[in-house]
Amino acid sequence: MDKKEEILRATFSHFAKRGYSLAMSDIASSVDIKTPSLYSHFKGKDEILLVTIEREISRYHAFLDSLYLTMTFTNLKEDLYALFKKILGYFSEKDLIRFWRNLLLVDQEELRRTCSQQVFDLEIYHVEKLKKVFEPYSDGDLDIMEGRSLHFLAIIQAALEIELLFYESEATAEAYIEKMWQAYSACNF
């Protein structure tokens, strides 16, 4: 692995733990170089973060694409549950959940706007894909399709927060997530 890739991986880890307040010296130390050497690979902290963030957003977008391409949605309840579990599986590492939580908490205004726009675009994409899933079950009512899509995304967000809240007790988190899914299913199926 080349040094630039090592820097990006270290940045990902430090951003997940500390958000924008990560220190360049911590990144440098993680990859066994002196802090000024980081600047031979990147212009500064914002560029390292932007590249790291864009890579993760692209990776998640590709993951979603692959999910929607492979799922048939012949049994809505079972297929949505599978989608729910696969998305949660993507976020199986707590650092990944923390990374995404920190995206919108960036202190630097321009970088925060860029991150917010990219996350917003990804959410719009996700809602549009979900609306197509719900379409056959919504009598063509766009409000119902959008509402069901947003509700589905909300339970994913809640499940990820539960994962962080109960990170010490995986069994407790899983029990809460299953109860949440059952409540969602009761309302929608």
C-alpha atoms as a PDB file:
ATOM      1  CA  MET A   1       0.000   0.000   0.000  1.00  0.00           C
ATOM      2  CA  ASP A   2       1.376   3.391  -0.928  1.00  0.00           C
ATOM      3  CA  LYS A   3       1.785   6.194   1.598  1.00  0.00           C
ATOM      4  CA  LYS A   4      -1.118   8.263   0.229  1.00  0.00           C
ATOM      5  CA  GLU A   5      -3.485   5.321   0.744  1.00  0.00           C
ATOM      6  CA  GLU A   6      -2.140   4.827   4.282  1.00  0.00           C
ATOM      7  CA  ILE A   7      -2.788   8.510   5.006  1.00  0.00           C
ATOM      8  CA  LEU A   8      -6.366   8.254   3.740  1.00  0.00           C
ATOM      9  CA  ARG A   9      -7.056   5.177   5.847  1.00  0.00           C
ATOM     10  CA  ALA A  10      -5.581   6.813   8.931  1.00  0.00           C
ATOM     11  CA  THR A  11      -7.631   9.950   8.245  1.00  0.00           C
ATOM     12  CA  PHE A  12     -10.787   7.843   8.032  1.00  0.00           C
ATOM     13  CA  SER A  13     -10.056   6.298  11.409  1.00  0.00           C
ATOM     14  CA  HIS A  14      -9.184   9.577  13.121  1.00  0.00           C
ATOM     15  CA  PHE A  15     -12.172  11.407  11.591  1.00  0.00           C
ATOM     16  CA  ALA A  16     -14.470   8.653  12.862  1.00  0.00           C
ATOM     17  CA  LYS A  17     -13.122   9.092  16.377  1.00  0.00           C
ATOM     18  CA  ARG A  18     -12.622  12.856  16.587  1.00  0.00           C
ATOM     19  CA  GLY A  19     -14.458  14.438  13.682  1.00  0.00           C
ATOM     20  CA  TYR A  20     -13.003  17.624  12.258  1.00  0.00           C
ATOM     21  CA  SER A  21     -10.945  18.182  15.396  1.00  0.00           C
ATOM     22  CA  LEU A  22      -8.560  15.412  14.359  1.00  0.00           C
ATOM     23  CA  ALA A  23      -4.934  16.450  14.424  1.00  0.00           C
ATOM     24  CA  MET A  24      -2.614  16.259  11.445  1.00  0.00           C
ATOM     25  CA  SER A  25       0.108  15.084  13.820  1.00  0.00           C
ATOM     26  CA  ASP A  26      -2.067  12.077  14.770  1.00  0.00           C
ATOM     27  CA  ILE A  27      -2.520  11.147  11.117  1.00  0.00           C
ATOM     28  CA  ALA A  28       1.220  11.495  10.491  1.00  0.00           C
ATOM     29  CA  SER A  29       2.058   9.435  13.558  1.00  0.00           C
ATOM     30  CA  SER A  30      -0.329   6.688  12.438  1.00  0.00           C
ATOM     31  CA  VAL A  31       1.547   6.298   9.152  1.00  0.00           C
ATOM     32  CA  ASP A  32       5.044   6.750  10.607  1.00  0.00           C
ATOM     33  CA  ILE A  33       5.900  10.060   8.962  1.00  0.00           C
ATOM     34  CA  LYS A  34       6.505  13.565  10.265  1.00  0.00           C
ATOM     35  CA  THR A  35       3.591  15.996  10.050  1.00  0.00           C
ATOM     36  CA  PRO A  36       5.185  18.237   7.357  1.00  0.00           C
ATOM     37  CA  SER A  37       5.491  15.162   5.106  1.00  0.00           C
ATOM     38  CA  LEU A  38       1.683  15.004   4.885  1.00  0.00           C
ATOM     39  CA  TYR A  39       1.834  18.168   2.803  1.00  0.00           C
ATOM     40  CA  SER A  40       3.836  16.430   0.085  1.00  0.00           C
ATOM     41  CA  HIS A  41       0.744  14.262  -0.503  1.00  0.00           C
ATOM     42  CA  PHE A  42      -2.087  16.738   0.226  1.00  0.00           C
ATOM     43  CA  LYS A  43      -2.451  20.534   0.396  1.00  0.00           C
ATOM     44  CA  GLY A  44      -3.835  20.389   3.919  1.00  0.00           C
ATOM     45  CA  LYS A  45      -6.323  18.974   6.365  1.00  0.00           C
ATOM     46  CA  ASP A  46      -9.400  19.936   4.334  1.00  0.00           C
ATOM     47  CA  GLU A  47      -8.117  18.234   1.198  1.00  0.00           C
ATOM     48  CA  ILE A  48      -7.263  15.036   3.073  1.00  0.00           C
ATOM     49  CA  LEU A  49     -10.719  15.049   4.652  1.00  0.00           C
ATOM     50  CA  LEU A  50     -12.495  15.841   1.389  1.00  0.00           C
ATOM     51  CA  VAL A  51     -10.791  12.975  -0.444  1.00  0.00           C
ATOM     52  CA  THR A  52     -11.487  10.616   2.465  1.00  0.00           C
ATOM     53  CA  ILE A  53     -15.140  11.665   2.650  1.00  0.00           C
ATOM     54  CA  GLU A  54     -15.716  11.496  -1.099  1.00  0.00           C
ATOM     55  CA  ARG A  55     -14.217   8.012  -1.203  1.00  0.00           C
ATOM     56  CA  GLU A  56     -16.522   6.760   1.540  1.00  0.00           C
ATOM     57  CA  ILE A  57     -19.616   8.338  -0.008  1.00  0.00           C
ATOM     58  CA  SER A  58     -18.714   6.782  -3.383  1.00  0.00           C
ATOM     59  CA  ARG A  59     -18.148   3.420  -1.743  1.00  0.00           C
ATOM     60  CA  TYR A  60     -21.546   3.536  -0.020  1.00  0.00           C
ATOM     61  CA  HIS A  61     -23.244   4.692  -3.216  1.00  0.00           C
ATOM     62  CA  ALA A  62     -21.748   1.715  -5.092  1.00  0.00           C
ATOM     63  CA  PHE A  63     -22.901  -0.569  -2.287  1.00  0.00           C
ATOM     64  CA  LEU A  64     -26.474   0.764  -2.595  1.00  0.00           C
ATOM     65  CA  ASP A  65     -26.355   0.381  -6.374  1.00  0.00           C
ATOM     66  CA  SER A  66     -25.355  -3.255  -6.040  1.00  0.00           C
ATOM     67  CA  LEU A  67     -28.158  -3.882  -3.540  1.00  0.00           C
ATOM     68  CA  TYR A  68     -30.874  -2.362  -5.681  1.00  0.00           C
ATOM     69  CA  LEU A  69     -29.614  -4.167  -8.779  1.00  0.00           C
ATOM     70  CA  THR A  70     -29.656  -7.582  -7.126  1.00  0.00           C
ATOM     71  CA  MET A  71     -32.922  -7.386  -5.188  1.00  0.00           C
ATOM     72  CA  THR A  72     -36.158  -8.415  -6.903  1.00  0.00           C
ATOM     73  CA  PHE A  73     -38.662  -7.124  -4.337  1.00  0.00           C
ATOM     74  CA  THR A  74     -41.161  -9.887  -5.049  1.00  0.00           C
ATOM     75  CA  ASN A  75     -42.106 -10.136  -1.377  1.00  0.00           C
ATOM     76  CA  LEU A  76     -41.986  -6.573  -0.071  1.00  0.00           C
ATOM     77  CA  LYS A  77     -41.792  -7.370   3.637  1.00  0.00           C
ATOM     78  CA  GLU A  78     -39.062 -10.015   3.290  1.00  0.00           C
ATOM     79  CA  ASP A  79     -37.103  -8.046   0.728  1.00  0.00           C
ATOM     80  CA  LEU A  80     -37.206  -4.815   2.745  1.00  0.00           C
ATOM     81  CA  TYR A  81     -36.073  -6.727   5.802  1.00  0.00           C
ATOM     82  CA  ALA A  82     -33.174  -8.150   3.782  1.00  0.00           C
ATOM     83  CA  LEU A  83     -32.321  -4.648   2.539  1.00  0.00           C
ATOM     84  CA  PHE A  84     -32.536  -3.324   6.102  1.00  0.00           C
ATOM     85  CA  LYS A  85     -30.166  -6.032   7.378  1.00  0.00           C
ATOM     86  CA  LYS A  86     -27.720  -5.594   4.487  1.00  0.00           C
ATOM     87  CA  ILE A  87     -27.516  -1.840   5.043  1.00  0.00           C
ATOM     88  CA  LEU A  88     -26.956  -2.404   8.758  1.00  0.00           C
ATOM     89  CA  GLY A  89     -24.334  -4.991   7.804  1.00  0.00           C
ATOM     90  CA  TYR A  90     -22.499  -2.360   5.769  1.00  0.00           C
ATOM     91  CA  PHE A  91     -22.224  -0.337   8.962  1.00  0.00           C
ATOM     92  CA  SER A  92     -21.092  -3.288  11.092  1.00  0.00           C
ATOM     93  CA  GLU A  93     -17.959  -1.452  12.185  1.00  0.00           C
ATOM     94  CA  LYS A  94     -18.741   1.228  14.771  1.00  0.00           C
ATOM     95  CA  ASP A  95     -16.104   3.527  13.265  1.00  0.00           C
ATOM     96  CA  LEU A  96     -18.112   3.561  10.049  1.00  0.00           C
ATOM     97  CA  ILE A  97     -21.237   4.720  11.880  1.00  0.00           C
ATOM     98  CA  ARG A  98     -19.209   7.355  13.721  1.00  0.00           C
ATOM     99  CA  PHE A  99     -17.618   8.503  10.460  1.00  0.00           C
ATOM    100  CA  TRP A 100     -21.045   9.117   8.873  1.00  0.00           C
ATOM    101  CA  ARG A 101     -22.341  10.832  12.003  1.00  0.00           C
ATOM    102  CA  ASN A 102     -19.359  13.215  11.906  1.00  0.00           C
ATOM    103  CA  LEU A 103     -19.883  14.157   8.248  1.00  0.00           C
ATOM    104  CA  LEU A 104     -22.416  16.855   9.025  1.00  0.00           C
ATOM    105  CA  LEU A 105     -20.570  18.118  12.098  1.00  0.00           C
ATOM    106  CA  VAL A 106     -17.506  19.444  10.277  1.00  0.00           C
ATOM    107  CA  ASP A 107     -16.448  22.829  11.657  1.00  0.00           C
ATOM    108  CA  GLN A 108     -15.041  24.260   8.441  1.00  0.00           C
ATOM    109  CA  GLU A 109     -18.027  25.832   6.652  1.00  0.00           C
ATOM    110  CA  GLU A 110     -17.105  25.133   3.022  1.00  0.00           C
ATOM    111  CA  LEU A 111     -16.224  21.515   3.725  1.00  0.00           C
ATOM    112  CA  ARG A 112     -19.414  21.084   5.793  1.00  0.00           C
ATOM    113  CA  ARG A 113     -21.500  22.451   2.894  1.00  0.00           C
ATOM    114  CA  THR A 114     -19.786  20.071   0.472  1.00  0.00           C
ATOM    115  CA  CYS A 115     -20.357  17.105   2.801  1.00  0.00           C
ATOM    116  CA  SER A 116     -23.972  18.111   3.439  1.00  0.00           C
ATOM    117  CA  GLN A 117     -24.672  18.369  -0.287  1.00  0.00           C
ATOM    118  CA  GLN A 118     -23.124  14.986  -1.010  1.00  0.00           C
ATOM    119  CA  VAL A 119     -25.094  13.332   1.794  1.00  0.00           C
ATOM    120  CA  PHE A 120     -28.278  15.075   0.640  1.00  0.00           C
ATOM    121  CA  ASP A 121     -27.723  13.885  -2.951  1.00  0.00           C
ATOM    122  CA  LEU A 122     -27.185  10.350  -1.696  1.00  0.00           C
ATOM    123  CA  GLU A 123     -30.396  10.482   0.352  1.00  0.00           C
ATOM    124  CA  ILE A 124     -32.370  11.729  -2.670  1.00  0.00           C
ATOM    125  CA  TYR A 125     -30.952   8.862  -4.717  1.00  0.00           C
ATOM    126  CA  HIS A 126     -31.878   6.381  -1.982  1.00  0.00           C
ATOM    127  CA  VAL A 127     -35.426   7.774  -1.661  1.00  0.00           C
ATOM    128  CA  GLU A 128     -35.935   7.588  -5.443  1.00  0.00           C
ATOM    129  CA  LYS A 129     -34.829   3.941  -5.470  1.00  0.00           C
ATOM    130  CA  LEU A 130     -37.106   3.137  -2.531  1.00  0.00           C
ATOM    131  CA  LYS A 131     -40.067   4.898  -4.126  1.00  0.00           C
ATOM    132  CA  LYS A 132     -39.752   2.490  -7.059  1.00  0.00           C
ATOM    133  CA  VAL A 133     -39.782  -0.404  -4.590  1.00  0.00           C
ATOM    134  CA  PHE A 134     -42.946   0.903  -2.911  1.00  0.00           C
ATOM    135  CA  GLU A 135     -44.693   1.946  -6.130  1.00  0.00           C
ATOM    136  CA  PRO A 136     -46.541  -1.339  -6.785  1.00  0.00           C
ATOM    137  CA  TYR A 137     -47.853  -1.254  -3.195  1.00  0.00           C
ATOM    138  CA  SER A 138     -48.911   2.408  -3.081  1.00  0.00           C
ATOM    139  CA  ASP A 139     -51.617   2.699  -5.777  1.00  0.00           C
ATOM    140  CA  GLY A 140     -49.430   5.238  -7.571  1.00  0.00           C
ATOM    141  CA  ASP A 141     -49.724   7.744  -4.712  1.00  0.00           C
ATOM    142  CA  LEU A 142     -46.417   9.660  -4.676  1.00  0.00           C
ATOM    143  CA  ASP A 143     -46.963  10.916  -1.121  1.00  0.00           C
ATOM    144  CA  ILE A 144     -47.380   7.364   0.156  1.00  0.00           C
ATOM    145  CA  MET A 145     -44.291   6.176  -1.750  1.00  0.00           C
ATOM    146  CA  GLU A 146     -42.178   9.037  -0.429  1.00  0.00           C
ATOM    147  CA  GLY A 147     -43.528   8.650   3.111  1.00  0.00           C
ATOM    148  CA  ARG A 148     -42.775   4.937   3.174  1.00  0.00           C
ATOM    149  CA  SER A 149     -39.309   5.572   1.760  1.00  0.00           C
ATOM    150  CA  LEU A 150     -38.494   8.213   4.360  1.00  0.00           C
ATOM    151  CA  HIS A 151     -39.911   6.030   7.119  1.00  0.00           C
ATOM    152  CA  PHE A 152     -37.684   3.157   5.998  1.00  0.00           C
ATOM    153  CA  LEU A 153     -34.606   5.415   6.001  1.00  0.00           C
ATOM    154  CA  ALA A 154     -35.561   6.737   9.445  1.00  0.00           C
ATOM    155  CA  ILE A 155     -35.584   3.263  10.969  1.00  0.00           C
ATOM    156  CA  ILE A 156     -32.169   2.591   9.461  1.00  0.00           C
ATOM    157  CA  GLN A 157     -30.859   5.799  11.052  1.00  0.00           C
ATOM    158  CA  ALA A 158     -32.444   4.871  14.383  1.00  0.00           C
ATOM    159  CA  ALA A 159     -30.963   1.381  14.211  1.00  0.00           C
ATOM    160  CA  LEU A 160     -27.497   2.822  13.603  1.00  0.00           C
ATOM    161  CA  GLU A 161     -27.888   5.149  16.590  1.00  0.00           C
ATOM    162  CA  ILE A 162     -28.916   2.159  18.703  1.00  0.00           C
ATOM    163  CA  GLU A 163     -25.800   0.335  17.520  1.00  0.00           C
ATOM    164  CA  LEU A 164     -23.669   3.186  18.840  1.00  0.00           C
ATOM    165  CA  LEU A 165     -25.664   3.582  22.030  1.00  0.00           C
ATOM    166  CA  PHE A 166     -25.391  -0.093  22.924  1.00  0.00           C
ATOM    167  CA  TYR A 167     -21.962  -0.741  21.398  1.00  0.00           C
ATOM    168  CA  GLU A 168     -20.890  -2.607  24.541  1.00  0.00           C
ATOM    169  CA  SER A 169     -23.870  -4.947  24.364  1.00  0.00           C
ATOM    170  CA  GLU A 170     -24.404  -6.304  20.882  1.00  0.00           C
ATOM    171  CA  ALA A 171     -27.250  -8.579  22.031  1.00  0.00           C
ATOM    172  CA  THR A 172     -29.143  -5.616  23.517  1.00  0.00           C
ATOM    173  CA  ALA A 173     -28.703  -3.582  20.334  1.00  0.00           C
ATOM    174  CA  GLU A 174     -29.881  -6.481  18.183  1.00  0.00           C
ATOM    175  CA  ALA A 175     -32.952  -6.982  20.392  1.00  0.00           C
ATOM    176  CA  TYR A 176     -33.900  -3.286  20.099  1.00  0.00           C
ATOM    177  CA  ILE A 177     -33.342  -3.334  16.349  1.00  0.00           C
ATOM    178  CA  GLU A 178     -35.531  -6.406  15.936  1.00  0.00           C
ATOM    179  CA  LYS A 179     -38.307  -4.775  18.000  1.00  0.00           C
ATOM    180  CA  MET A 180     -37.999  -1.651  15.882  1.00  0.00           C
ATOM    181  CA  TRP A 181     -38.315  -3.719  12.705  1.00  0.00           C
ATOM    182  CA  GLN A 182     -41.373  -5.490  14.094  1.00  0.00           C
ATOM    183  CA  ALA A 183     -43.014  -2.138  14.888  1.00  0.00           C
ATOM    184  CA  TYR A 184     -42.168  -0.870  11.391  1.00  0.00           C
ATOM    185  CA  SER A 185     -43.601  -4.050   9.858  1.00  0.00           C
ATOM    186  CA  ALA A 186     -46.780  -3.784  11.906  1.00  0.00           C
ATOM    187  CA  CYS A 187     -47.351  -0.263  10.575  1.00  0.00           C
ATOM    188  CA  ASN A 188     -46.544  -1.009   6.945  1.00  0.00           C
ATOM    189  CA  PHE A 189     -47.598  -4.574   6.134  1.00  0.00           C
END
